C-alpha atoms as a PDB file:
ATOM      1  CA  MET A   1       4.096  47.240 -27.899  1.00  0.00           C
ATOM      2  CA  LYS A   2       1.038  45.096 -28.655  1.00  0.00           C
ATOM      3  CA  THR A   3       3.320  42.322 -29.979  1.00  0.00           C
ATOM      4  CA  LEU A   4       5.400  42.454 -26.793  1.00  0.00           C
ATOM      5  CA  LYS A   5       2.252  42.189 -24.621  1.00  0.00           C
ATOM      6  CA  THR A   6       0.989  39.247 -26.698  1.00  0.00           C
ATOM      7  CA  THR A   7       4.359  37.512 -26.435  1.00  0.00           C
ATOM      8  CA  LEU A   8       4.495  38.043 -22.647  1.00  0.00           C
ATOM      9  CA  LEU A   9       0.917  36.803 -22.228  1.00  0.00           C
ATOM     10  CA  THR A  10       1.591  33.728 -24.378  1.00  0.00           C
ATOM     11  CA  THR A  11       4.812  32.956 -22.498  1.00  0.00           C
ATOM     12  CA  THR A  12       3.086  33.367 -19.131  1.00  0.00           C
ATOM     13  CA  LEU A  13       0.165  31.131 -20.140  1.00  0.00           C
ATOM     14  CA  ALA A  14       2.527  28.486 -21.503  1.00  0.00           C
ATOM     15  CA  ALA A  15       4.512  28.540 -18.251  1.00  0.00           C
ATOM     16  CA  LEU A  16       1.338  28.229 -16.168  1.00  0.00           C
ATOM     17  CA  LEU A  17      -0.052  25.416 -18.292  1.00  0.00           C
ATOM     18  CA  SER A  18       3.210  23.503 -18.199  1.00  0.00           C
ATOM     19  CA  GLY A  19       3.197  23.875 -14.397  1.00  0.00           C
ATOM     20  CA  VAL A  20      -0.345  22.510 -14.239  1.00  0.00           C
ATOM     21  CA  ALA A  21       0.578  19.548 -16.436  1.00  0.00           C
ATOM     22  CA  TRP A  22       3.652  18.861 -14.306  1.00  0.00           C
ATOM     23  CA  ALA A  23       1.615  18.943 -11.101  1.00  0.00           C
ATOM     24  CA  ALA A  24      -1.035  16.545 -12.374  1.00  0.00           C
ATOM     25  CA  PRO A  25      -1.583  13.364 -10.391  1.00  0.00           C
ATOM     26  CA  ALA A  26       0.785  10.545 -11.335  1.00  0.00           C
ATOM     27  CA  VAL A  27      -0.423   6.938 -11.368  1.00  0.00           C
ATOM     28  CA  TYR A  28       2.071   4.219 -10.444  1.00  0.00           C
ATOM     29  CA  THR A  29       1.571   0.477 -10.943  1.00  0.00           C
ATOM     30  CA  VAL A  30       2.629  -1.766  -8.069  1.00  0.00           C
ATOM     31  CA  ASP A  31       5.853  -3.676  -8.767  1.00  0.00           C
ATOM     32  CA  SER A  32       4.835  -7.113  -7.525  1.00  0.00           C
ATOM     33  CA  THR A  33       8.461  -8.281  -7.436  1.00  0.00           C
ATOM     34  CA  HIS A  34       9.287  -5.663  -4.779  1.00  0.00           C
ATOM     35  CA  THR A  35       5.992  -5.325  -2.887  1.00  0.00           C
ATOM     36  CA  PHE A  36       5.419  -7.593   0.087  1.00  0.00           C
ATOM     37  CA  PRO A  37       2.827  -7.165   2.839  1.00  0.00           C
ATOM     38  CA  ARG A  38       4.267  -8.859   5.924  1.00  0.00           C
ATOM     39  CA  PHE A  39       2.510  -9.710   9.173  1.00  0.00           C
ATOM     40  CA  ALA A  40       3.834 -10.588  12.620  1.00  0.00           C
ATOM     41  CA  TYR A  41       2.133 -12.055  15.685  1.00  0.00           C
ATOM     42  CA  SER A  42       3.028 -13.667  18.996  1.00  0.00           C
ATOM     43  CA  HIS A  43       3.179 -17.464  18.900  1.00  0.00           C
ATOM     44  CA  PHE A  44       2.176 -18.542  22.435  1.00  0.00           C
ATOM     45  CA  GLY A  45       4.563 -15.874  23.738  1.00  0.00           C
ATOM     46  CA  TYR A  46       7.517 -18.004  22.620  1.00  0.00           C
ATOM     47  CA  SER A  47       8.401 -15.925  19.600  1.00  0.00           C
ATOM     48  CA  LYS A  48       7.165 -13.344  17.139  1.00  0.00           C
ATOM     49  CA  GLN A  49       6.390 -15.101  13.879  1.00  0.00           C
ATOM     50  CA  VAL A  50       6.747 -13.135  10.624  1.00  0.00           C
ATOM     51  CA  SER A  51       5.135 -14.204   7.345  1.00  0.00           C
ATOM     52  CA  ARG A  52       4.326 -12.474   4.070  1.00  0.00           C
ATOM     53  CA  PHE A  53       2.185 -12.519   0.957  1.00  0.00           C
ATOM     54  CA  ASN A  54       4.063 -13.018  -2.325  1.00  0.00           C
ATOM     55  CA  LYS A  55       1.518 -11.633  -4.822  1.00  0.00           C
ATOM     56  CA  THR A  56       0.275  -8.062  -4.599  1.00  0.00           C
ATOM     57  CA  THR A  57      -1.173  -5.874  -7.341  1.00  0.00           C
ATOM     58  CA  GLY A  58      -2.649  -2.395  -7.523  1.00  0.00           C
ATOM     59  CA  THR A  59      -2.027   1.282  -8.104  1.00  0.00           C
ATOM     60  CA  VAL A  60      -0.849   4.324  -6.197  1.00  0.00           C
ATOM     61  CA  THR A  61      -1.866   7.801  -7.344  1.00  0.00           C
ATOM     62  CA  LEU A  62       0.076  10.801  -6.042  1.00  0.00           C
ATOM     63  CA  ASP A  63      -0.090  14.529  -6.547  1.00  0.00           C
ATOM     64  CA  SER A  64       2.669  15.935  -4.354  1.00  0.00           C
ATOM     65  CA  ALA A  65       1.897  19.535  -5.329  1.00  0.00           C
ATOM     66  CA  ALA A  66      -1.745  19.220  -4.258  1.00  0.00           C
ATOM     67  CA  LYS A  67      -0.793  16.878  -1.382  1.00  0.00           C
ATOM     68  CA  THR A  68      -3.345  14.270  -2.402  1.00  0.00           C
ATOM     69  CA  GLY A  69      -3.143  10.600  -3.204  1.00  0.00           C
ATOM     70  CA  ALA A  70      -4.948   7.302  -3.476  1.00  0.00           C
ATOM     71  CA  VAL A  71      -3.979   3.675  -2.892  1.00  0.00           C
ATOM     72  CA  ASP A  72      -5.824   0.665  -4.308  1.00  0.00           C
ATOM     73  CA  ILE A  73      -4.195  -2.674  -3.455  1.00  0.00           C
ATOM     74  CA  SER A  74      -5.220  -6.307  -3.922  1.00  0.00           C
ATOM     75  CA  ILE A  75      -3.409  -9.133  -2.105  1.00  0.00           C
ATOM     76  CA  ASP A  76      -3.585 -12.742  -3.276  1.00  0.00           C
ATOM     77  CA  MET A  77      -4.204 -14.473   0.054  1.00  0.00           C
ATOM     78  CA  THR A  78      -3.299 -17.872  -1.448  1.00  0.00           C
ATOM     79  CA  SER A  79       0.260 -16.556  -1.817  1.00  0.00           C
ATOM     80  CA  VAL A  80       0.815 -16.550   1.960  1.00  0.00           C
ATOM     81  CA  ASP A  81       4.378 -17.581   2.762  1.00  0.00           C
ATOM     82  CA  THR A  82       5.093 -18.698   6.321  1.00  0.00           C
ATOM     83  CA  GLY A  83       8.321 -20.433   5.370  1.00  0.00           C
ATOM     84  CA  PHE A  84       6.714 -23.851   5.891  1.00  0.00           C
ATOM     85  CA  GLU A  85       4.514 -25.380   3.176  1.00  0.00           C
ATOM     86  CA  VAL A  86       2.274 -27.338   5.567  1.00  0.00           C
ATOM     87  CA  PHE A  87       1.571 -24.217   7.633  1.00  0.00           C
ATOM     88  CA  ASN A  88       0.839 -22.229   4.447  1.00  0.00           C
ATOM     89  CA  GLY A  89      -2.059 -24.628   3.888  1.00  0.00           C
ATOM     90  CA  HIS A  90      -3.111 -24.532   7.556  1.00  0.00           C
ATOM     91  CA  ILE A  91      -3.294 -20.733   7.682  1.00  0.00           C
ATOM     92  CA  GLN A  92      -5.382 -20.707   4.477  1.00  0.00           C
ATOM     93  CA  GLY A  93      -8.050 -22.820   6.201  1.00  0.00           C
ATOM     94  CA  ALA A  94     -11.530 -21.620   7.225  1.00  0.00           C
ATOM     95  CA  ASP A  95     -10.426 -20.814  10.812  1.00  0.00           C
ATOM     96  CA  PHE A  96      -7.895 -18.269   9.579  1.00  0.00           C
ATOM     97  CA  LEU A  97      -7.718 -16.780   6.039  1.00  0.00           C
ATOM     98  CA  ASP A  98     -10.336 -19.044   4.401  1.00  0.00           C
ATOM     99  CA  THR A  99      -8.759 -18.556   0.978  1.00  0.00           C
ATOM    100  CA  ALA A 100     -11.140 -21.058  -0.658  1.00  0.00           C
ATOM    101  CA  THR A 101     -13.975 -18.576  -0.054  1.00  0.00           C
ATOM    102  CA  PHE A 102     -11.997 -15.302   0.109  1.00  0.00           C
ATOM    103  CA  PRO A 103      -8.906 -15.562  -2.097  1.00  0.00           C
ATOM    104  CA  LYS A 104      -8.247 -11.796  -2.113  1.00  0.00           C
ATOM    105  CA  ALA A 105      -7.800  -9.076   0.485  1.00  0.00           C
ATOM    106  CA  THR A 106      -7.970  -5.402  -0.470  1.00  0.00           C
ATOM    107  CA  PHE A 107      -6.904  -2.040   0.879  1.00  0.00           C
ATOM    108  CA  VAL A 108      -8.517   1.067  -0.604  1.00  0.00           C
ATOM    109  CA  SER A 109      -7.496   4.443   0.748  1.00  0.00           C
ATOM    110  CA  THR A 110      -9.968   7.089   1.843  1.00  0.00           C
ATOM    111  CA  LYS A 111      -7.423   9.796   2.708  1.00  0.00           C
ATOM    112  CA  VAL A 112      -3.685  10.380   2.325  1.00  0.00           C
ATOM    113  CA  MET A 113      -2.105  12.874   4.730  1.00  0.00           C
ATOM    114  CA  PHE A 114       1.220  14.530   3.899  1.00  0.00           C
ATOM    115  CA  ALA A 115       4.067  15.830   6.055  1.00  0.00           C
ATOM    116  CA  GLY A 116       5.815  18.326   3.824  1.00  0.00           C
ATOM    117  CA  ASP A 117       5.979  16.833   0.347  1.00  0.00           C
ATOM    118  CA  LYS A 118       5.792  13.179   1.440  1.00  0.00           C
ATOM    119  CA  PRO A 119       2.874  10.953   2.466  1.00  0.00           C
ATOM    120  CA  ALA A 120       2.807  10.419   6.243  1.00  0.00           C
ATOM    121  CA  THR A 121      -0.358   8.392   6.838  1.00  0.00           C
ATOM    122  CA  VAL A 122      -2.832   6.572   4.637  1.00  0.00           C
ATOM    123  CA  GLU A 123      -6.337   6.044   5.979  1.00  0.00           C
ATOM    124  CA  GLY A 124      -8.370   3.389   4.267  1.00  0.00           C
ATOM    125  CA  LYS A 125     -10.567   0.332   4.333  1.00  0.00           C
ATOM    126  CA  LEU A 126      -8.993  -3.101   4.711  1.00  0.00           C
ATOM    127  CA  THR A 127     -11.123  -6.059   3.630  1.00  0.00           C
ATOM    128  CA  ILE A 128     -10.167  -9.582   4.744  1.00  0.00           C
ATOM    129  CA  LYS A 129     -12.594 -12.544   4.578  1.00  0.00           C
ATOM    130  CA  GLY A 130     -15.313 -10.196   3.321  1.00  0.00           C
ATOM    131  CA  ILE A 131     -15.062  -8.045   6.480  1.00  0.00           C
ATOM    132  CA  THR A 132     -14.119  -4.391   6.003  1.00  0.00           C
ATOM    133  CA  LYS A 133     -12.541  -2.317   8.777  1.00  0.00           C
ATOM    134  CA  PRO A 134     -10.881   1.119   8.838  1.00  0.00           C
ATOM    135  CA  VAL A 135      -7.088   0.966   9.065  1.00  0.00           C
ATOM    136  CA  THR A 136      -4.514   3.758   9.177  1.00  0.00           C
ATOM    137  CA  LEU A 137      -1.078   2.995   7.755  1.00  0.00           C
ATOM    138  CA  THR A 138       1.838   5.014   9.102  1.00  0.00           C
ATOM    139  CA  VAL A 139       4.382   5.669   6.370  1.00  0.00           C
ATOM    140  CA  THR A 140       7.860   5.176   7.854  1.00  0.00           C
ATOM    141  CA  SER A 141       9.835   5.882   4.669  1.00  0.00           C
ATOM    142  CA  PHE A 142       9.060   7.253   1.213  1.00  0.00           C
ATOM    143  CA  GLN A 143      11.129   7.827  -1.926  1.00  0.00           C
ATOM    144  CA  ALA A 144      10.147   9.235  -5.328  1.00  0.00           C
ATOM    145  CA  MET A 145      12.755   9.324  -8.100  1.00  0.00           C
ATOM    146  CA  PRO A 146      13.559   7.909 -11.525  1.00  0.00           C
ATOM    147  CA  HIS A 147      14.276   4.178 -11.278  1.00  0.00           C
ATOM    148  CA  PRO A 148      17.980   3.736 -12.099  1.00  0.00           C
ATOM    149  CA  MET A 149      17.462   0.487 -14.032  1.00  0.00           C
ATOM    150  CA  LEU A 150      13.975   0.863 -15.510  1.00  0.00           C
ATOM    151  CA  LYS A 151      14.511   4.532 -16.511  1.00  0.00           C
ATOM    152  CA  LYS A 152      10.959   5.364 -15.397  1.00  0.00           C
ATOM    153  CA  ASP A 153       9.574   7.417 -12.514  1.00  0.00           C
ATOM    154  CA  ALA A 154       9.097   5.224  -9.458  1.00  0.00           C
ATOM    155  CA  ILE A 155       8.090   5.431  -5.818  1.00  0.00           C
ATOM    156  CA  GLY A 156       8.825   3.275  -2.810  1.00  0.00           C
ATOM    157  CA  ALA A 157       7.476   3.225   0.719  1.00  0.00           C
ATOM    158  CA  ASN A 158       7.320   1.279   3.935  1.00  0.00           C
ATOM    159  CA  ALA A 159       4.252   1.481   6.150  1.00  0.00           C
ATOM    160  CA  THR A 160       2.962  -0.133   9.330  1.00  0.00           C
ATOM    161  CA  ALA A 161      -0.312  -0.679  11.160  1.00  0.00           C
ATOM    162  CA  THR A 162      -1.680  -2.936  13.883  1.00  0.00           C
ATOM    163  CA  ILE A 163      -4.915  -4.875  13.508  1.00  0.00           C
ATOM    164  CA  LYS A 164      -6.730  -7.612  15.433  1.00  0.00           C
ATOM    165  CA  ARG A 165      -7.239 -10.825  13.524  1.00  0.00           C
ATOM    166  CA  SER A 166     -10.430 -11.487  15.483  1.00  0.00           C
ATOM    167  CA  ASP A 167     -11.904  -8.337  13.872  1.00  0.00           C
ATOM    168  CA  PHE A 168     -11.657 -10.180  10.552  1.00  0.00           C
ATOM    169  CA  GLY A 169     -13.064 -13.527  11.652  1.00  0.00           C
ATOM    170  CA  ALA A 170      -9.621 -15.133  12.019  1.00  0.00           C
ATOM    171  CA  GLY A 171      -9.205 -15.195  15.802  1.00  0.00           C
ATOM    172  CA  LYS A 172      -8.842 -18.917  16.486  1.00  0.00           C
ATOM    173  CA  TYR A 173      -6.508 -19.749  19.414  1.00  0.00           C
ATOM    174  CA  ALA A 174      -6.471 -16.138  20.662  1.00  0.00           C
ATOM    175  CA  PRO A 175      -5.165 -15.020  23.062  1.00  0.00           C
ATOM    176  CA  TYR A 176      -2.571 -17.821  23.110  1.00  0.00           C
ATOM    177  CA  VAL A 177      -1.675 -17.115  19.525  1.00  0.00           C
ATOM    178  CA  GLY A 178      -1.633 -13.325  19.551  1.00  0.00           C
ATOM    179  CA  ASP A 179      -4.770 -11.549  18.383  1.00  0.00           C
ATOM    180  CA  GLU A 180      -2.782  -8.410  17.634  1.00  0.00           C
ATOM    181  CA  VAL A 181      -1.092  -8.529  14.251  1.00  0.00           C
ATOM    182  CA  THR A 182       1.523  -6.019  13.132  1.00  0.00           C
ATOM    183  CA  LEU A 183       1.406  -5.242   9.424  1.00  0.00           C
ATOM    184  CA  ASP A 184       4.629  -4.113   7.763  1.00  0.00           C
ATOM    185  CA  ILE A 185       4.277  -3.283   4.093  1.00  0.00           C
ATOM    186  CA  ALA A 186       7.165  -2.794   1.675  1.00  0.00           C
ATOM    187  CA  LEU A 187       5.878  -1.253  -1.556  1.00  0.00           C
ATOM    188  CA  GLU A 188       7.458  -0.183  -4.839  1.00  0.00           C
ATOM    189  CA  ALA A 189       5.510   1.138  -7.820  1.00  0.00           C
ATOM    190  CA  VAL A 190       6.491   2.393 -11.274  1.00  0.00           C
ATOM    191  CA  LYS A 191       4.863   4.724 -13.788  1.00  0.00           C
ATOM    192  CA  PRO A 192       3.888   2.765 -16.916  1.00  0.00           C
END
């Protein structure tokens, strides 16, 4: 009887410990070939212009069981891609992104809220041109599954937010060139 109790206790502890290990936070490294922060703004009311940044790095930490997470992203502001080389240089000037002085922008989360087992919003601090403001990203899609080609666990998400460029010292020509900027982030990240 004592052997049976010991076996049951050992089996139960092993099951609990394996559950704890499985539920541990997972850290994913941003896949910079599939992660692109995009931004859109009104150009004199004629059209909505959409541009993106081509170089993004960082990590995403998720614990779906505990419904917690963290996001730490760095964007190379010199990688701005407007589709027109001359304008890429113009938008990097001191009146806008000032990439000579501030070559990086960052987003560091302060809170991740879940809806069911998926992230729904990510509150955090966005820093552009050395100015930090609170921003809440709304997650519009989320997927977690093994990557079919890389054979590693991976996540993907899309998220949006609206900011004012004048809040970050980049408001030249507002309101003619729209002050309100819509952020649309496509992110993929893979476990190392």
